Amino acid sequence: MSVEQYYNMCCRYKGRAVQIRTHDGRMHRGVIRHVSNNRVYLHPIDATRNLGGFSYPFGYGYGYGGFGAGIALGAIATLALIPFFFW
């Protein structure tokens, strides 16, 4: 896929939980918060979260402006939606 196709796909899936694999083999799971011309910003999904405790509001404290980890669109090898039962 081209960078433009990944950009359009990321825009379409904004606000949804995704799993992104980059060309170097790294896996990123999170909710797409923002898409720029060359990056997609994910709010990470914490696999070890405590559902019964206190936590920060969703989107607070993760990276610049609360967007989370930025991944270059050109580094994406695959992008897939994560079903809600992973939450």
C-alpha atoms as a PDB file:
ATOM      1  CA  MET A   1       0.000   0.000   0.000  1.00  0.00           C
ATOM      2  CA  SER A   2       1.086   3.561  -0.571  1.00  0.00           C
ATOM      3  CA  VAL A   3       1.456   6.243   2.095  1.00  0.00           C
ATOM      4  CA  GLU A   4      -1.634   7.977   0.715  1.00  0.00           C
ATOM      5  CA  GLN A   5      -3.698   4.794   1.124  1.00  0.00           C
ATOM      6  CA  TYR A   6      -2.526   4.396   4.750  1.00  0.00           C
ATOM      7  CA  TYR A   7      -3.306   8.073   5.384  1.00  0.00           C
ATOM      8  CA  ASN A   8      -6.873   7.632   4.097  1.00  0.00           C
ATOM      9  CA  MET A   9      -7.300   4.406   6.080  1.00  0.00           C
ATOM     10  CA  CYS A  10      -6.056   6.067   9.288  1.00  0.00           C
ATOM     11  CA  CYS A  11      -8.432   9.000   8.746  1.00  0.00           C
ATOM     12  CA  ARG A  12     -11.316   6.575   8.243  1.00  0.00           C
ATOM     13  CA  TYR A  13     -10.447   4.626  11.437  1.00  0.00           C
ATOM     14  CA  LYS A  14      -9.893   7.708  13.633  1.00  0.00           C
ATOM     15  CA  GLY A  15     -11.205   7.000  17.137  1.00  0.00           C
ATOM     16  CA  ARG A  16     -11.065   3.222  16.633  1.00  0.00           C
ATOM     17  CA  ALA A  17      -8.751   0.682  18.225  1.00  0.00           C
ATOM     18  CA  VAL A  18      -6.109  -0.550  15.776  1.00  0.00           C
ATOM     19  CA  GLN A  19      -3.010  -2.694  15.660  1.00  0.00           C
ATOM     20  CA  ILE A  20      -0.168  -1.365  13.512  1.00  0.00           C
ATOM     21  CA  ARG A  21       2.877  -3.378  12.492  1.00  0.00           C
ATOM     22  CA  THR A  22       5.813  -1.388  11.121  1.00  0.00           C
ATOM     23  CA  HIS A  23       8.396  -2.532   8.567  1.00  0.00           C
ATOM     24  CA  ASP A  24      10.929  -3.133  11.372  1.00  0.00           C
ATOM     25  CA  GLY A  25       8.542  -5.656  13.001  1.00  0.00           C
ATOM     26  CA  ARG A  26       7.333  -3.544  15.938  1.00  0.00           C
ATOM     27  CA  MET A  27       3.671  -3.844  16.976  1.00  0.00           C
ATOM     28  CA  HIS A  28       1.654  -0.864  18.210  1.00  0.00           C
ATOM     29  CA  ARG A  29      -1.844  -1.145  19.671  1.00  0.00           C
ATOM     30  CA  GLY A  30      -3.916   1.894  20.395  1.00  0.00           C
ATOM     31  CA  VAL A  31      -6.729   4.217  19.459  1.00  0.00           C
ATOM     32  CA  ILE A  32      -6.055   6.599  16.565  1.00  0.00           C
ATOM     33  CA  ARG A  33      -6.281  10.116  17.984  1.00  0.00           C
ATOM     34  CA  HIS A  34      -4.805  12.268  15.203  1.00  0.00           C
ATOM     35  CA  VAL A  35      -3.514  11.853  11.664  1.00  0.00           C
ATOM     36  CA  SER A  36      -1.132  14.334  10.050  1.00  0.00           C
ATOM     37  CA  ASN A  37       0.371  14.320   6.556  1.00  0.00           C
ATOM     38  CA  ASN A  38       3.195  11.999   7.631  1.00  0.00           C
ATOM     39  CA  ARG A  39       2.267  10.509  11.044  1.00  0.00           C
ATOM     40  CA  VAL A  40      -0.529   8.728  12.843  1.00  0.00           C
ATOM     41  CA  TYR A  41      -0.825   9.309  16.599  1.00  0.00           C
ATOM     42  CA  LEU A  42      -2.042   6.486  18.834  1.00  0.00           C
ATOM     43  CA  HIS A  43      -3.289   6.553  22.397  1.00  0.00           C
ATOM     44  CA  PRO A  44      -1.782   3.297  23.712  1.00  0.00           C
ATOM     45  CA  ILE A  45      -3.996   0.505  24.962  1.00  0.00           C
ATOM     46  CA  ASP A  46      -2.758  -0.583  28.358  1.00  0.00           C
ATOM     47  CA  ALA A  47      -3.032  -4.377  28.574  1.00  0.00           C
ATOM     48  CA  THR A  48      -2.423  -4.321  32.348  1.00  0.00           C
ATOM     49  CA  ARG A  49      -5.009  -1.671  33.277  1.00  0.00           C
ATOM     50  CA  ASN A  50      -6.923  -1.920  36.526  1.00  0.00           C
ATOM     51  CA  LEU A  51     -10.608  -1.673  35.688  1.00  0.00           C
ATOM     52  CA  GLY A  52     -11.646  -1.196  39.315  1.00  0.00           C
ATOM     53  CA  GLY A  53      -9.233   1.567  40.311  1.00  0.00           C
ATOM     54  CA  PHE A  54      -8.633   5.222  39.696  1.00  0.00           C
ATOM     55  CA  SER A  55      -7.033   6.440  36.498  1.00  0.00           C
ATOM     56  CA  TYR A  56      -6.383   9.569  34.497  1.00  0.00           C
ATOM     57  CA  PRO A  57      -9.068  10.625  32.045  1.00  0.00           C
ATOM     58  CA  PHE A  58      -8.740   9.001  28.643  1.00  0.00           C
ATOM     59  CA  GLY A  59      -6.248  10.951  26.534  1.00  0.00           C
ATOM     60  CA  TYR A  60      -4.480  12.689  29.438  1.00  0.00           C
ATOM     61  CA  GLY A  61      -0.747  12.467  29.848  1.00  0.00           C
ATOM     62  CA  TYR A  62       0.252  10.477  26.775  1.00  0.00           C
ATOM     63  CA  GLY A  63       2.761  12.401  24.683  1.00  0.00           C
ATOM     64  CA  TYR A  64       2.502  15.885  23.259  1.00  0.00           C
ATOM     65  CA  GLY A  65      -1.036  17.217  23.359  1.00  0.00           C
ATOM     66  CA  GLY A  66      -2.426  13.881  24.552  1.00  0.00           C
ATOM     67  CA  PHE A  67      -2.056  12.265  21.119  1.00  0.00           C
ATOM     68  CA  GLY A  68       0.310   9.515  22.246  1.00  0.00           C
ATOM     69  CA  ALA A  69       2.892   7.705  20.150  1.00  0.00           C
ATOM     70  CA  GLY A  70       3.520   9.054  16.657  1.00  0.00           C
ATOM     71  CA  ILE A  71       4.195   6.511  13.917  1.00  0.00           C
ATOM     72  CA  ALA A  72       5.416   7.503  10.473  1.00  0.00           C
ATOM     73  CA  LEU A  73       2.895   6.595   7.776  1.00  0.00           C
ATOM     74  CA  GLY A  74       5.725   5.357   5.540  1.00  0.00           C
ATOM     75  CA  ALA A  75       6.815   2.860   8.229  1.00  0.00           C
ATOM     76  CA  ILE A  76       3.458   1.054   8.374  1.00  0.00           C
ATOM     77  CA  ALA A  77       3.502  -2.495   7.030  1.00  0.00           C
ATOM     78  CA  THR A  78      -0.015  -3.518   8.157  1.00  0.00           C
ATOM     79  CA  LEU A  79      -2.933  -1.848   9.887  1.00  0.00           C
ATOM     80  CA  ALA A  80      -5.839  -3.830  11.333  1.00  0.00           C
ATOM     81  CA  LEU A  81      -8.839  -3.016  13.504  1.00  0.00           C
ATOM     82  CA  ILE A  82      -8.920  -4.566  16.970  1.00  0.00           C
ATOM     83  CA  PRO A  83     -12.284  -6.033  18.060  1.00  0.00           C
ATOM     84  CA  PHE A  84     -13.804  -4.504  21.191  1.00  0.00           C
ATOM     85  CA  PHE A  85     -13.403  -7.652  23.297  1.00  0.00           C
ATOM     86  CA  PHE A  86      -9.707  -6.708  23.687  1.00  0.00           C
ATOM     87  CA  TRP A  87     -10.812  -3.741  25.786  1.00  0.00           C
END
